[in-house]
């Protein structure tokens, strides 16, 4: 019998950790250009009710009079401008890549968070070996690991226009007490439930968030990746090929308060710049956008599937789990 029979359904998307061992291949060196190097410019649009990316700082209102927020967590800023830092994007997208490519489970923060599969323990880098002699899973080859610099990163994403954030009251956030070592956990896209009273209250907190429809612009930078690897990144950004067209498969989640159903965003490619060598050995840019860009992205997405880099059962489970649901998100402890 559940501990709390009146608790609302947990907004979890559970993706099985495959029984198959991750395919670890030699790490790619950095000393020369090979494969695809370039920049994909992106627009991020908030599609959940709110997005919160914490700064680790607080603001407070000494005159709240117990009628409005007293202390709240602030949104991340760069030079006093609201911003989604590239590191937040990288962490969120890496978690998706690990799940859909059958990679190692890189984050095990607590002793009890151990996978049931010893084969999925974090990749190990041996500094005594040459770069190409170290073998890494697909995610570690792209994003890096201790001792090895990754071949992709995100710039900071800045707002398209002036944003007026809102201080929102949410139920307190607690670490899960139960952990399933056979699955990876993500959060569903449900509807946020606003709370009636804006007054400070035990077991609730306030966060500074941006609202649905807010747009940020930035870029994904990649170096020496294959077409299949770039296709894997595009899948993790929530894109797929459907009836010959590049379409949205799901909205990844960014930032904090995901248990309160914050953070769903859509990534929209705007322009692709690729760098290639010419007859003098110099790098020259090729810039594409519109239909020409979408044709290339479709090619990369298909290459990912053709080369078996996408783990189809995990991709299907995550795609279905992250589809929007016409259900309320639990406002309190669940």
C-alpha atoms as a PDB file:
ATOM      1  CA  UNK A   1       0.000   0.000   0.000  1.00  0.00           C
ATOM      2  CA  UNK A   2       1.426   3.473  -0.859  1.00  0.00           C
ATOM      3  CA  UNK A   3       2.680   5.586   2.014  1.00  0.00           C
ATOM      4  CA  UNK A   4       0.226   8.352   1.136  1.00  0.00           C
ATOM      5  CA  UNK A   5      -2.868   6.965  -0.616  1.00  0.00           C
ATOM      6  CA  UNK A   6      -4.123  10.521  -1.277  1.00  0.00           C
ATOM      7  CA  UNK A   7      -0.933  11.652  -3.040  1.00  0.00           C
ATOM      8  CA  UNK A   8      -1.264  12.723  -6.660  1.00  0.00           C
ATOM      9  CA  UNK A   9       0.465  10.667  -9.380  1.00  0.00           C
ATOM     10  CA  UNK A  10       4.200  11.347  -9.565  1.00  0.00           C
ATOM     11  CA  UNK A  11       5.175  13.241 -12.761  1.00  0.00           C
ATOM     12  CA  UNK A  12       7.988  10.836 -13.633  1.00  0.00           C
ATOM     13  CA  UNK A  13       9.111   9.546 -17.021  1.00  0.00           C
ATOM     14  CA  UNK A  14      11.055   6.338 -16.413  1.00  0.00           C
ATOM     15  CA  UNK A  15      13.417   5.069 -19.115  1.00  0.00           C
ATOM     16  CA  UNK A  16      14.906   1.607 -18.701  1.00  0.00           C
ATOM     17  CA  UNK A  17      18.688   1.326 -18.566  1.00  0.00           C
ATOM     18  CA  UNK A  18      19.365  -1.187 -21.373  1.00  0.00           C
ATOM     19  CA  UNK A  19      20.736  -4.607 -20.509  1.00  0.00           C
ATOM     20  CA  UNK A  20      23.214  -4.254 -23.374  1.00  0.00           C
ATOM     21  CA  UNK A  21      26.668  -2.887 -22.490  1.00  0.00           C
ATOM     22  CA  UNK A  22      27.362   0.623 -23.889  1.00  0.00           C
ATOM     23  CA  UNK A  23      29.515   0.552 -27.011  1.00  0.00           C
ATOM     24  CA  UNK A  24      32.745   2.260 -25.969  1.00  0.00           C
ATOM     25  CA  UNK A  25      34.968   3.448 -28.823  1.00  0.00           C
ATOM     26  CA  UNK A  26      38.295   5.313 -29.035  1.00  0.00           C
ATOM     27  CA  UNK A  27      38.073   8.974 -28.059  1.00  0.00           C
ATOM     28  CA  UNK A  28      38.528  11.494 -30.875  1.00  0.00           C
ATOM     29  CA  UNK A  29      41.724  13.597 -30.738  1.00  0.00           C
ATOM     30  CA  UNK A  30      41.671  17.402 -30.805  1.00  0.00           C
ATOM     31  CA  UNK A  31      44.921  18.229 -32.607  1.00  0.00           C
ATOM     32  CA  UNK A  32      43.425  18.371 -36.114  1.00  0.00           C
ATOM     33  CA  UNK A  33      40.084  19.000 -37.773  1.00  0.00           C
ATOM     34  CA  UNK A  34      38.155  15.944 -38.928  1.00  0.00           C
ATOM     35  CA  UNK A  35      34.459  15.498 -39.570  1.00  0.00           C
ATOM     36  CA  UNK A  36      32.076  18.372 -38.873  1.00  0.00           C
ATOM     37  CA  UNK A  37      33.053  21.543 -37.020  1.00  0.00           C
ATOM     38  CA  UNK A  38      30.706  24.477 -36.745  1.00  0.00           C
ATOM     39  CA  UNK A  39      27.908  26.317 -35.017  1.00  0.00           C
ATOM     40  CA  UNK A  40      24.144  25.779 -34.967  1.00  0.00           C
ATOM     41  CA  UNK A  41      22.282  28.925 -33.950  1.00  0.00           C
ATOM     42  CA  UNK A  42      19.156  28.175 -31.919  1.00  0.00           C
ATOM     43  CA  UNK A  43      16.125  29.881 -30.437  1.00  0.00           C
ATOM     44  CA  UNK A  44      14.790  28.419 -27.186  1.00  0.00           C
ATOM     45  CA  UNK A  45      11.081  29.006 -26.528  1.00  0.00           C
ATOM     46  CA  UNK A  46       9.532  28.326 -23.113  1.00  0.00           C
ATOM     47  CA  UNK A  47       6.449  26.124 -23.619  1.00  0.00           C
ATOM     48  CA  UNK A  48       5.645  25.231 -19.991  1.00  0.00           C
ATOM     49  CA  UNK A  49       3.994  27.796 -17.723  1.00  0.00           C
ATOM     50  CA  UNK A  50       7.384  28.830 -16.302  1.00  0.00           C
ATOM     51  CA  UNK A  51      11.142  28.378 -16.613  1.00  0.00           C
ATOM     52  CA  UNK A  52      13.434  28.842 -13.619  1.00  0.00           C
ATOM     53  CA  UNK A  53      17.235  28.724 -13.868  1.00  0.00           C
ATOM     54  CA  UNK A  54      18.610  29.506 -10.438  1.00  0.00           C
ATOM     55  CA  UNK A  55      21.574  31.755  -9.761  1.00  0.00           C
ATOM     56  CA  UNK A  56      22.232  30.466  -6.252  1.00  0.00           C
ATOM     57  CA  UNK A  57      21.391  33.940  -4.892  1.00  0.00           C
ATOM     58  CA  UNK A  58      18.361  35.380  -3.097  1.00  0.00           C
ATOM     59  CA  UNK A  59      16.324  38.558  -2.994  1.00  0.00           C
ATOM     60  CA  UNK A  60      14.074  39.554  -0.125  1.00  0.00           C
ATOM     61  CA  UNK A  61      11.314  42.013   0.736  1.00  0.00           C
ATOM     62  CA  UNK A  62      11.640  43.310   4.326  1.00  0.00           C
ATOM     63  CA  UNK A  63       8.181  44.914   4.108  1.00  0.00           C
ATOM     64  CA  UNK A  64       6.261  41.877   2.935  1.00  0.00           C
ATOM     65  CA  UNK A  65       3.902  42.017   5.924  1.00  0.00           C
ATOM     66  CA  UNK A  66       3.201  38.293   5.503  1.00  0.00           C
ATOM     67  CA  UNK A  67       1.014  39.123   2.489  1.00  0.00           C
ATOM     68  CA  UNK A  68       3.499  38.568  -0.355  1.00  0.00           C
ATOM     69  CA  UNK A  69       6.854  36.835  -0.982  1.00  0.00           C
ATOM     70  CA  UNK A  70       9.472  37.504   1.671  1.00  0.00           C
ATOM     71  CA  UNK A  71      12.534  35.712   0.213  1.00  0.00           C
ATOM     72  CA  UNK A  72      12.901  34.227  -3.249  1.00  0.00           C
ATOM     73  CA  UNK A  73      15.474  32.423  -5.371  1.00  0.00           C
ATOM     74  CA  UNK A  74      16.630  34.628  -8.261  1.00  0.00           C
ATOM     75  CA  UNK A  75      16.950  33.770 -11.944  1.00  0.00           C
ATOM     76  CA  UNK A  76      20.483  33.524 -13.332  1.00  0.00           C
ATOM     77  CA  UNK A  77      21.891  36.767 -14.752  1.00  0.00           C
ATOM     78  CA  UNK A  78      24.940  37.768 -16.770  1.00  0.00           C
ATOM     79  CA  UNK A  79      25.884  41.422 -16.547  1.00  0.00           C
ATOM     80  CA  UNK A  80      22.487  42.102 -14.945  1.00  0.00           C
ATOM     81  CA  UNK A  81      20.678  40.476 -17.882  1.00  0.00           C
ATOM     82  CA  UNK A  82      18.533  37.365 -17.508  1.00  0.00           C
ATOM     83  CA  UNK A  83      20.329  34.458 -19.113  1.00  0.00           C
ATOM     84  CA  UNK A  84      20.248  30.671 -19.506  1.00  0.00           C
ATOM     85  CA  UNK A  85      23.899  29.622 -19.029  1.00  0.00           C
ATOM     86  CA  UNK A  86      25.417  27.193 -21.474  1.00  0.00           C
ATOM     87  CA  UNK A  87      26.413  24.875 -18.631  1.00  0.00           C
ATOM     88  CA  UNK A  88      22.751  24.372 -17.676  1.00  0.00           C
ATOM     89  CA  UNK A  89      21.896  23.489 -21.257  1.00  0.00           C
ATOM     90  CA  UNK A  90      24.861  21.138 -21.538  1.00  0.00           C
ATOM     91  CA  UNK A  91      23.906  19.216 -18.404  1.00  0.00           C
ATOM     92  CA  UNK A  92      20.260  18.840 -19.421  1.00  0.00           C
ATOM     93  CA  UNK A  93      21.035  17.733 -22.975  1.00  0.00           C
ATOM     94  CA  UNK A  94      23.780  15.366 -21.835  1.00  0.00           C
ATOM     95  CA  UNK A  95      21.282  13.551 -19.589  1.00  0.00           C
ATOM     96  CA  UNK A  96      19.048  12.993 -22.634  1.00  0.00           C
ATOM     97  CA  UNK A  97      21.963  11.878 -24.829  1.00  0.00           C
ATOM     98  CA  UNK A  98      23.018   9.363 -22.179  1.00  0.00           C
ATOM     99  CA  UNK A  99      19.516   7.903 -22.133  1.00  0.00           C
ATOM    100  CA  UNK A 100      18.833   7.692 -25.874  1.00  0.00           C
ATOM    101  CA  UNK A 101      22.286   6.439 -26.924  1.00  0.00           C
ATOM    102  CA  UNK A 102      22.806   3.704 -24.298  1.00  0.00           C
ATOM    103  CA  UNK A 103      25.690   5.529 -22.630  1.00  0.00           C
ATOM    104  CA  UNK A 104      27.079   5.317 -19.118  1.00  0.00           C
ATOM    105  CA  UNK A 105      25.242   6.844 -16.155  1.00  0.00           C
ATOM    106  CA  UNK A 106      27.674   9.659 -15.428  1.00  0.00           C
ATOM    107  CA  UNK A 107      25.979  11.183 -12.383  1.00  0.00           C
ATOM    108  CA  UNK A 108      25.829   9.108  -9.189  1.00  0.00           C
ATOM    109  CA  UNK A 109      25.759  11.697  -6.423  1.00  0.00           C
ATOM    110  CA  UNK A 110      24.641   9.569  -3.495  1.00  0.00           C
ATOM    111  CA  UNK A 111      25.937   6.181  -2.326  1.00  0.00           C
ATOM    112  CA  UNK A 112      22.546   4.565  -2.884  1.00  0.00           C
ATOM    113  CA  UNK A 113      22.386   5.840  -6.471  1.00  0.00           C
ATOM    114  CA  UNK A 114      24.053   2.895  -8.125  1.00  0.00           C
ATOM    115  CA  UNK A 115      22.817   1.333 -11.321  1.00  0.00           C
ATOM    116  CA  UNK A 116      21.857  -2.305 -11.389  1.00  0.00           C
ATOM    117  CA  UNK A 117      24.148  -2.690 -14.427  1.00  0.00           C
ATOM    118  CA  UNK A 118      27.882  -2.605 -13.686  1.00  0.00           C
ATOM    119  CA  UNK A 119      28.404  -2.042 -17.410  1.00  0.00           C
ATOM    120  CA  UNK A 120      26.820   1.422 -17.138  1.00  0.00           C
ATOM    121  CA  UNK A 121      29.187   2.803 -14.509  1.00  0.00           C
ATOM    122  CA  UNK A 122      30.863   6.108 -15.500  1.00  0.00           C
ATOM    123  CA  UNK A 123      33.572   5.859 -18.137  1.00  0.00           C
ATOM    124  CA  UNK A 124      37.151   5.936 -16.832  1.00  0.00           C
ATOM    125  CA  UNK A 125      39.900   7.972 -18.470  1.00  0.00           C
ATOM    126  CA  UNK A 126      43.478   6.709 -18.199  1.00  0.00           C
ATOM    127  CA  UNK A 127      45.922   9.650 -18.519  1.00  0.00           C
ATOM    128  CA  UNK A 128      48.792   7.206 -19.077  1.00  0.00           C
ATOM    129  CA  UNK A 129      47.280   6.128 -22.376  1.00  0.00           C
ATOM    130  CA  UNK A 130      47.155   8.068 -25.639  1.00  0.00           C
ATOM    131  CA  UNK A 131      43.872   9.816 -26.410  1.00  0.00           C
ATOM    132  CA  UNK A 132      42.806   7.313 -29.063  1.00  0.00           C
ATOM    133  CA  UNK A 133      43.602   4.394 -26.752  1.00  0.00           C
ATOM    134  CA  UNK A 134      40.940   5.467 -24.248  1.00  0.00           C
ATOM    135  CA  UNK A 135      37.518   4.031 -24.997  1.00  0.00           C
ATOM    136  CA  UNK A 136      34.413   6.048 -24.096  1.00  0.00           C
ATOM    137  CA  UNK A 137      30.648   5.693 -24.444  1.00  0.00           C
ATOM    138  CA  UNK A 138      28.809   7.905 -27.000  1.00  0.00           C
ATOM    139  CA  UNK A 139      27.913  10.618 -24.448  1.00  0.00           C
ATOM    140  CA  UNK A 140      31.422  10.855 -22.970  1.00  0.00           C
ATOM    141  CA  UNK A 141      32.965  11.030 -26.447  1.00  0.00           C
ATOM    142  CA  UNK A 142      30.769  14.050 -27.196  1.00  0.00           C
ATOM    143  CA  UNK A 143      30.507  15.840 -23.845  1.00  0.00           C
ATOM    144  CA  UNK A 144      33.826  14.798 -22.313  1.00  0.00           C
ATOM    145  CA  UNK A 145      34.788  13.291 -19.000  1.00  0.00           C
ATOM    146  CA  UNK A 146      37.461  13.927 -16.369  1.00  0.00           C
ATOM    147  CA  UNK A 147      40.722  14.118 -18.338  1.00  0.00           C
ATOM    148  CA  UNK A 148      39.098  14.545 -21.745  1.00  0.00           C
ATOM    149  CA  UNK A 149      37.638  17.767 -23.161  1.00  0.00           C
ATOM    150  CA  UNK A 150      34.327  17.337 -24.918  1.00  0.00           C
ATOM    151  CA  UNK A 151      33.692  18.249 -28.545  1.00  0.00           C
ATOM    152  CA  UNK A 152      30.531  20.273 -28.055  1.00  0.00           C
ATOM    153  CA  UNK A 153      29.241  23.013 -25.814  1.00  0.00           C
ATOM    154  CA  UNK A 154      26.532  25.642 -25.681  1.00  0.00           C
ATOM    155  CA  UNK A 155      26.935  29.385 -25.528  1.00  0.00           C
ATOM    156  CA  UNK A 156      24.924  31.314 -22.964  1.00  0.00           C
ATOM    157  CA  UNK A 157      21.403  31.967 -24.239  1.00  0.00           C
ATOM    158  CA  UNK A 158      20.255  35.587 -23.983  1.00  0.00           C
ATOM    159  CA  UNK A 159      16.680  36.908 -24.244  1.00  0.00           C
ATOM    160  CA  UNK A 160      15.368  38.165 -27.580  1.00  0.00           C
ATOM    161  CA  UNK A 161      13.648  41.107 -25.895  1.00  0.00           C
ATOM    162  CA  UNK A 162      13.188  42.633 -22.468  1.00  0.00           C
ATOM    163  CA  UNK A 163      11.772  40.138 -19.975  1.00  0.00           C
ATOM    164  CA  UNK A 164       9.760  40.841 -16.857  1.00  0.00           C
ATOM    165  CA  UNK A 165      10.186  37.814 -14.594  1.00  0.00           C
ATOM    166  CA  UNK A 166       7.567  36.790 -12.052  1.00  0.00           C
ATOM    167  CA  UNK A 167       8.029  35.553  -8.495  1.00  0.00           C
ATOM    168  CA  UNK A 168       6.101  32.267  -8.234  1.00  0.00           C
ATOM    169  CA  UNK A 169       5.186  30.260  -5.142  1.00  0.00           C
ATOM    170  CA  UNK A 170       5.797  26.518  -5.389  1.00  0.00           C
ATOM    171  CA  UNK A 171       5.798  23.532  -3.055  1.00  0.00           C
ATOM    172  CA  UNK A 172       9.166  22.824  -1.442  1.00  0.00           C
ATOM    173  CA  UNK A 173      11.483  20.510  -3.368  1.00  0.00           C
ATOM    174  CA  UNK A 174      12.790  17.340  -1.722  1.00  0.00           C
ATOM    175  CA  UNK A 175      15.171  14.634  -2.838  1.00  0.00           C
ATOM    176  CA  UNK A 176      13.390  11.387  -3.774  1.00  0.00           C
ATOM    177  CA  UNK A 177      13.524   8.767  -1.013  1.00  0.00           C
ATOM    178  CA  UNK A 178      13.278   5.865  -3.400  1.00  0.00           C
ATOM    179  CA  UNK A 179      15.656   5.117  -6.252  1.00  0.00           C
ATOM    180  CA  UNK A 180      15.201   2.511  -8.989  1.00  0.00           C
ATOM    181  CA  UNK A 181      18.669   1.339 -10.113  1.00  0.00           C
ATOM    182  CA  UNK A 182      17.270  -0.067 -13.372  1.00  0.00           C
ATOM    183  CA  UNK A 183      15.843   3.194 -14.741  1.00  0.00           C
ATOM    184  CA  UNK A 184      16.675   6.793 -15.599  1.00  0.00           C
ATOM    185  CA  UNK A 185      14.174   9.395 -14.401  1.00  0.00           C
ATOM    186  CA  UNK A 186      12.932  12.481 -16.229  1.00  0.00           C
ATOM    187  CA  UNK A 187       9.899  14.691 -15.517  1.00  0.00           C
ATOM    188  CA  UNK A 188       6.646  14.788 -17.452  1.00  0.00           C
ATOM    189  CA  UNK A 189       5.171  17.836 -19.133  1.00  0.00           C
ATOM    190  CA  UNK A 190       2.051  18.514 -17.102  1.00  0.00           C
ATOM    191  CA  UNK A 191       0.218  21.714 -16.116  1.00  0.00           C
ATOM    192  CA  UNK A 192       1.523  23.799 -13.228  1.00  0.00           C
ATOM    193  CA  UNK A 193      -1.005  24.412 -10.457  1.00  0.00           C
ATOM    194  CA  UNK A 194      -0.796  27.986  -9.088  1.00  0.00           C
ATOM    195  CA  UNK A 195      -1.275  28.330  -5.357  1.00  0.00           C
ATOM    196  CA  UNK A 196      -4.060  30.534  -4.024  1.00  0.00           C
ATOM    197  CA  UNK A 197      -2.192  32.368  -1.271  1.00  0.00           C
ATOM    198  CA  UNK A 198       0.933  34.462  -2.069  1.00  0.00           C
ATOM    199  CA  UNK A 199       1.885  34.587   1.620  1.00  0.00           C
ATOM    200  CA  UNK A 200       5.021  32.877   2.972  1.00  0.00           C
ATOM    201  CA  UNK A 201       4.240  29.402   4.254  1.00  0.00           C
ATOM    202  CA  UNK A 202       6.119  26.438   5.690  1.00  0.00           C
ATOM    203  CA  UNK A 203       7.120  23.810   3.087  1.00  0.00           C
ATOM    204  CA  UNK A 204       6.791  26.294   0.217  1.00  0.00           C
ATOM    205  CA  UNK A 205       9.326  28.498  -1.530  1.00  0.00           C
ATOM    206  CA  UNK A 206       9.371  31.352  -4.040  1.00  0.00           C
ATOM    207  CA  UNK A 207      11.336  31.419  -7.288  1.00  0.00           C
ATOM    208  CA  UNK A 208      11.878  34.119  -9.904  1.00  0.00           C
ATOM    209  CA  UNK A 209      10.759  32.616 -13.209  1.00  0.00           C
ATOM    210  CA  UNK A 210      10.118  33.639 -16.806  1.00  0.00           C
ATOM    211  CA  UNK A 211       6.758  32.871 -18.347  1.00  0.00           C
ATOM    212  CA  UNK A 212       5.494  30.807 -21.258  1.00  0.00           C
ATOM    213  CA  UNK A 213       6.441  32.197 -24.669  1.00  0.00           C
ATOM    214  CA  UNK A 214       9.733  33.745 -23.522  1.00  0.00           C
ATOM    215  CA  UNK A 215      12.501  33.308 -26.107  1.00  0.00           C
ATOM    216  CA  UNK A 216      16.268  33.063 -25.713  1.00  0.00           C
ATOM    217  CA  UNK A 217      18.918  32.910 -28.432  1.00  0.00           C
ATOM    218  CA  UNK A 218      22.273  31.166 -28.453  1.00  0.00           C
ATOM    219  CA  UNK A 219      24.214  28.454 -30.241  1.00  0.00           C
ATOM    220  CA  UNK A 220      25.435  24.873 -30.106  1.00  0.00           C
ATOM    221  CA  UNK A 221      29.155  24.687 -30.962  1.00  0.00           C
ATOM    222  CA  UNK A 222      30.602  21.372 -32.145  1.00  0.00           C
ATOM    223  CA  UNK A 223      34.062  20.183 -33.139  1.00  0.00           C
ATOM    224  CA  UNK A 224      35.226  17.116 -35.077  1.00  0.00           C
ATOM    225  CA  UNK A 225      31.891  15.299 -34.830  1.00  0.00           C
ATOM    226  CA  UNK A 226      30.471  12.808 -37.293  1.00  0.00           C
ATOM    227  CA  UNK A 227      27.120  13.287 -39.020  1.00  0.00           C
ATOM    228  CA  UNK A 228      25.657  10.590 -36.769  1.00  0.00           C
ATOM    229  CA  UNK A 229      26.952  12.313 -33.611  1.00  0.00           C
ATOM    230  CA  UNK A 230      25.459  15.633 -34.687  1.00  0.00           C
ATOM    231  CA  UNK A 231      22.225  13.774 -35.417  1.00  0.00           C
ATOM    232  CA  UNK A 232      22.295  12.360 -31.887  1.00  0.00           C
ATOM    233  CA  UNK A 233      22.578  15.889 -30.484  1.00  0.00           C
ATOM    234  CA  UNK A 234      19.642  16.982 -32.633  1.00  0.00           C
ATOM    235  CA  UNK A 235      17.554  14.090 -31.319  1.00  0.00           C
ATOM    236  CA  UNK A 236      18.419  15.178 -27.758  1.00  0.00           C
ATOM    237  CA  UNK A 237      17.224  18.702 -28.628  1.00  0.00           C
ATOM    238  CA  UNK A 238      13.828  17.131 -29.324  1.00  0.00           C
ATOM    239  CA  UNK A 239      13.998  16.854 -33.120  1.00  0.00           C
ATOM    240  CA  UNK A 240      13.145  13.944 -35.415  1.00  0.00           C
ATOM    241  CA  UNK A 241      12.556  13.130 -39.083  1.00  0.00           C
ATOM    242  CA  UNK A 242       8.899  12.407 -39.761  1.00  0.00           C
ATOM    243  CA  UNK A 243       7.606  11.820 -43.305  1.00  0.00           C
ATOM    244  CA  UNK A 244      10.761  13.379 -44.668  1.00  0.00           C
ATOM    245  CA  UNK A 245      10.432  16.542 -42.564  1.00  0.00           C
ATOM    246  CA  UNK A 246      12.333  17.696 -39.478  1.00  0.00           C
ATOM    247  CA  UNK A 247       9.697  17.996 -36.745  1.00  0.00           C
ATOM    248  CA  UNK A 248       9.445  18.444 -32.975  1.00  0.00           C
ATOM    249  CA  UNK A 249       9.415  15.122 -31.100  1.00  0.00           C
ATOM    250  CA  UNK A 250       9.314  16.505 -27.538  1.00  0.00           C
ATOM    251  CA  UNK A 251      10.273  19.499 -25.424  1.00  0.00           C
ATOM    252  CA  UNK A 252      13.390  18.933 -23.263  1.00  0.00           C
ATOM    253  CA  UNK A 253      13.416  20.307 -19.710  1.00  0.00           C
ATOM    254  CA  UNK A 254      15.888  22.885 -18.417  1.00  0.00           C
ATOM    255  CA  UNK A 255      16.615  24.527 -15.097  1.00  0.00           C
ATOM    256  CA  UNK A 256      15.082  23.960 -11.683  1.00  0.00           C
ATOM    257  CA  UNK A 257      11.643  23.150 -10.273  1.00  0.00           C
ATOM    258  CA  UNK A 258      11.120  20.327 -12.778  1.00  0.00           C
ATOM    259  CA  UNK A 259       9.144  18.388 -10.128  1.00  0.00           C
ATOM    260  CA  UNK A 260       6.654  21.298 -10.276  1.00  0.00           C
ATOM    261  CA  UNK A 261       6.524  20.900 -14.082  1.00  0.00           C
ATOM    262  CA  UNK A 262       8.654  23.954 -14.873  1.00  0.00           C
ATOM    263  CA  UNK A 263      11.265  24.028 -17.610  1.00  0.00           C
ATOM    264  CA  UNK A 264       9.838  22.604 -20.854  1.00  0.00           C
ATOM    265  CA  UNK A 265      11.399  24.329 -23.876  1.00  0.00           C
ATOM    266  CA  UNK A 266      11.482  23.882 -27.636  1.00  0.00           C
ATOM    267  CA  UNK A 267      14.703  24.289 -29.634  1.00  0.00           C
ATOM    268  CA  UNK A 268      14.282  25.942 -33.038  1.00  0.00           C
ATOM    269  CA  UNK A 269      17.289  25.822 -35.432  1.00  0.00           C
ATOM    270  CA  UNK A 270      17.860  29.166 -37.158  1.00  0.00           C
ATOM    271  CA  UNK A 271      21.177  28.933 -38.998  1.00  0.00           C
ATOM    272  CA  UNK A 272      23.981  26.394 -39.468  1.00  0.00           C
ATOM    273  CA  UNK A 273      27.587  27.379 -40.034  1.00  0.00           C
ATOM    274  CA  UNK A 274      30.085  24.664 -40.984  1.00  0.00           C
ATOM    275  CA  UNK A 275      33.844  25.029 -41.284  1.00  0.00           C
ATOM    276  CA  UNK A 276      35.741  23.087 -43.944  1.00  0.00           C
ATOM    277  CA  UNK A 277      39.243  23.164 -45.437  1.00  0.00           C
ATOM    278  CA  UNK A 278      40.123  24.657 -48.805  1.00  0.00           C
ATOM    279  CA  UNK A 279      43.026  23.899 -51.163  1.00  0.00           C
ATOM    280  CA  UNK A 280      45.381  26.078 -49.087  1.00  0.00           C
ATOM    281  CA  UNK A 281      44.535  24.177 -45.914  1.00  0.00           C
ATOM    282  CA  UNK A 282      42.662  27.098 -44.423  1.00  0.00           C
ATOM    283  CA  UNK A 283      39.251  26.854 -42.828  1.00  0.00           C
ATOM    284  CA  UNK A 284      36.393  28.455 -44.750  1.00  0.00           C
ATOM    285  CA  UNK A 285      32.819  28.837 -43.485  1.00  0.00           C
ATOM    286  CA  UNK A 286      29.700  27.504 -45.176  1.00  0.00           C
ATOM    287  CA  UNK A 287      26.496  29.076 -43.916  1.00  0.00           C
ATOM    288  CA  UNK A 288      23.027  27.629 -44.571  1.00  0.00           C
ATOM    289  CA  UNK A 289      19.542  28.354 -43.283  1.00  0.00           C
ATOM    290  CA  UNK A 290      15.928  27.755 -44.226  1.00  0.00           C
ATOM    291  CA  UNK A 291      15.165  24.642 -46.302  1.00  0.00           C
ATOM    292  CA  UNK A 292      18.836  24.025 -47.119  1.00  0.00           C
ATOM    293  CA  UNK A 293      19.623  23.837 -43.410  1.00  0.00           C
ATOM    294  CA  UNK A 294      16.661  21.559 -42.694  1.00  0.00           C
ATOM    295  CA  UNK A 295      17.809  19.167 -45.431  1.00  0.00           C
ATOM    296  CA  UNK A 296      21.217  18.891 -43.767  1.00  0.00           C
ATOM    297  CA  UNK A 297      19.684  18.404 -40.325  1.00  0.00           C
ATOM    298  CA  UNK A 298      17.455  15.671 -41.746  1.00  0.00           C
ATOM    299  CA  UNK A 299      20.561  13.995 -43.182  1.00  0.00           C
ATOM    300  CA  UNK A 300      22.303  14.070 -39.792  1.00  0.00           C
ATOM    301  CA  UNK A 301      19.243  12.752 -37.951  1.00  0.00           C
ATOM    302  CA  UNK A 302      18.966   9.875 -40.415  1.00  0.00           C
ATOM    303  CA  UNK A 303      22.699   9.107 -40.164  1.00  0.00           C
ATOM    304  CA  UNK A 304      22.292   8.748 -36.396  1.00  0.00           C
ATOM    305  CA  UNK A 305      19.670   6.046 -36.878  1.00  0.00           C
ATOM    306  CA  UNK A 306      21.477   4.354 -39.761  1.00  0.00           C
ATOM    307  CA  UNK A 307      24.656   3.941 -37.696  1.00  0.00           C
ATOM    308  CA  UNK A 308      22.774   2.611 -34.679  1.00  0.00           C
ATOM    309  CA  UNK A 309      23.814   5.466 -32.422  1.00  0.00           C
ATOM    310  CA  UNK A 310      20.208   6.006 -31.328  1.00  0.00           C
ATOM    311  CA  UNK A 311      18.892   3.368 -28.920  1.00  0.00           C
ATOM    312  CA  UNK A 312      15.388   3.031 -30.339  1.00  0.00           C
ATOM    313  CA  UNK A 313      13.525   1.636 -27.272  1.00  0.00           C
ATOM    314  CA  UNK A 314      14.928   4.383 -25.021  1.00  0.00           C
ATOM    315  CA  UNK A 315      14.189   7.067 -27.617  1.00  0.00           C
ATOM    316  CA  UNK A 316      10.593   5.881 -27.976  1.00  0.00           C
ATOM    317  CA  UNK A 317      10.064   5.720 -24.200  1.00  0.00           C
ATOM    318  CA  UNK A 318      11.425   9.226 -23.651  1.00  0.00           C
ATOM    319  CA  UNK A 319       9.586  10.732 -26.625  1.00  0.00           C
ATOM    320  CA  UNK A 320       6.257   9.299 -25.500  1.00  0.00           C
ATOM    321  CA  UNK A 321       6.862  10.200 -21.856  1.00  0.00           C
ATOM    322  CA  UNK A 322       7.669  13.850 -22.584  1.00  0.00           C
ATOM    323  CA  UNK A 323       4.617  14.542 -24.720  1.00  0.00           C
ATOM    324  CA  UNK A 324       2.362  17.194 -23.110  1.00  0.00           C
ATOM    325  CA  UNK A 325      -0.356  15.762 -20.873  1.00  0.00           C
ATOM    326  CA  UNK A 326      -3.630  17.397 -19.974  1.00  0.00           C
ATOM    327  CA  UNK A 327      -3.065  16.680 -16.303  1.00  0.00           C
ATOM    328  CA  UNK A 328      -2.190  18.792 -13.281  1.00  0.00           C
ATOM    329  CA  UNK A 329       1.261  18.725 -11.727  1.00  0.00           C
ATOM    330  CA  UNK A 330       1.274  17.888  -7.991  1.00  0.00           C
ATOM    331  CA  UNK A 331       1.560  21.198  -6.080  1.00  0.00           C
ATOM    332  CA  UNK A 332       2.946  19.703  -2.857  1.00  0.00           C
ATOM    333  CA  UNK A 333       4.846  16.660  -1.594  1.00  0.00           C
ATOM    334  CA  UNK A 334       4.344  13.491  -3.637  1.00  0.00           C
END
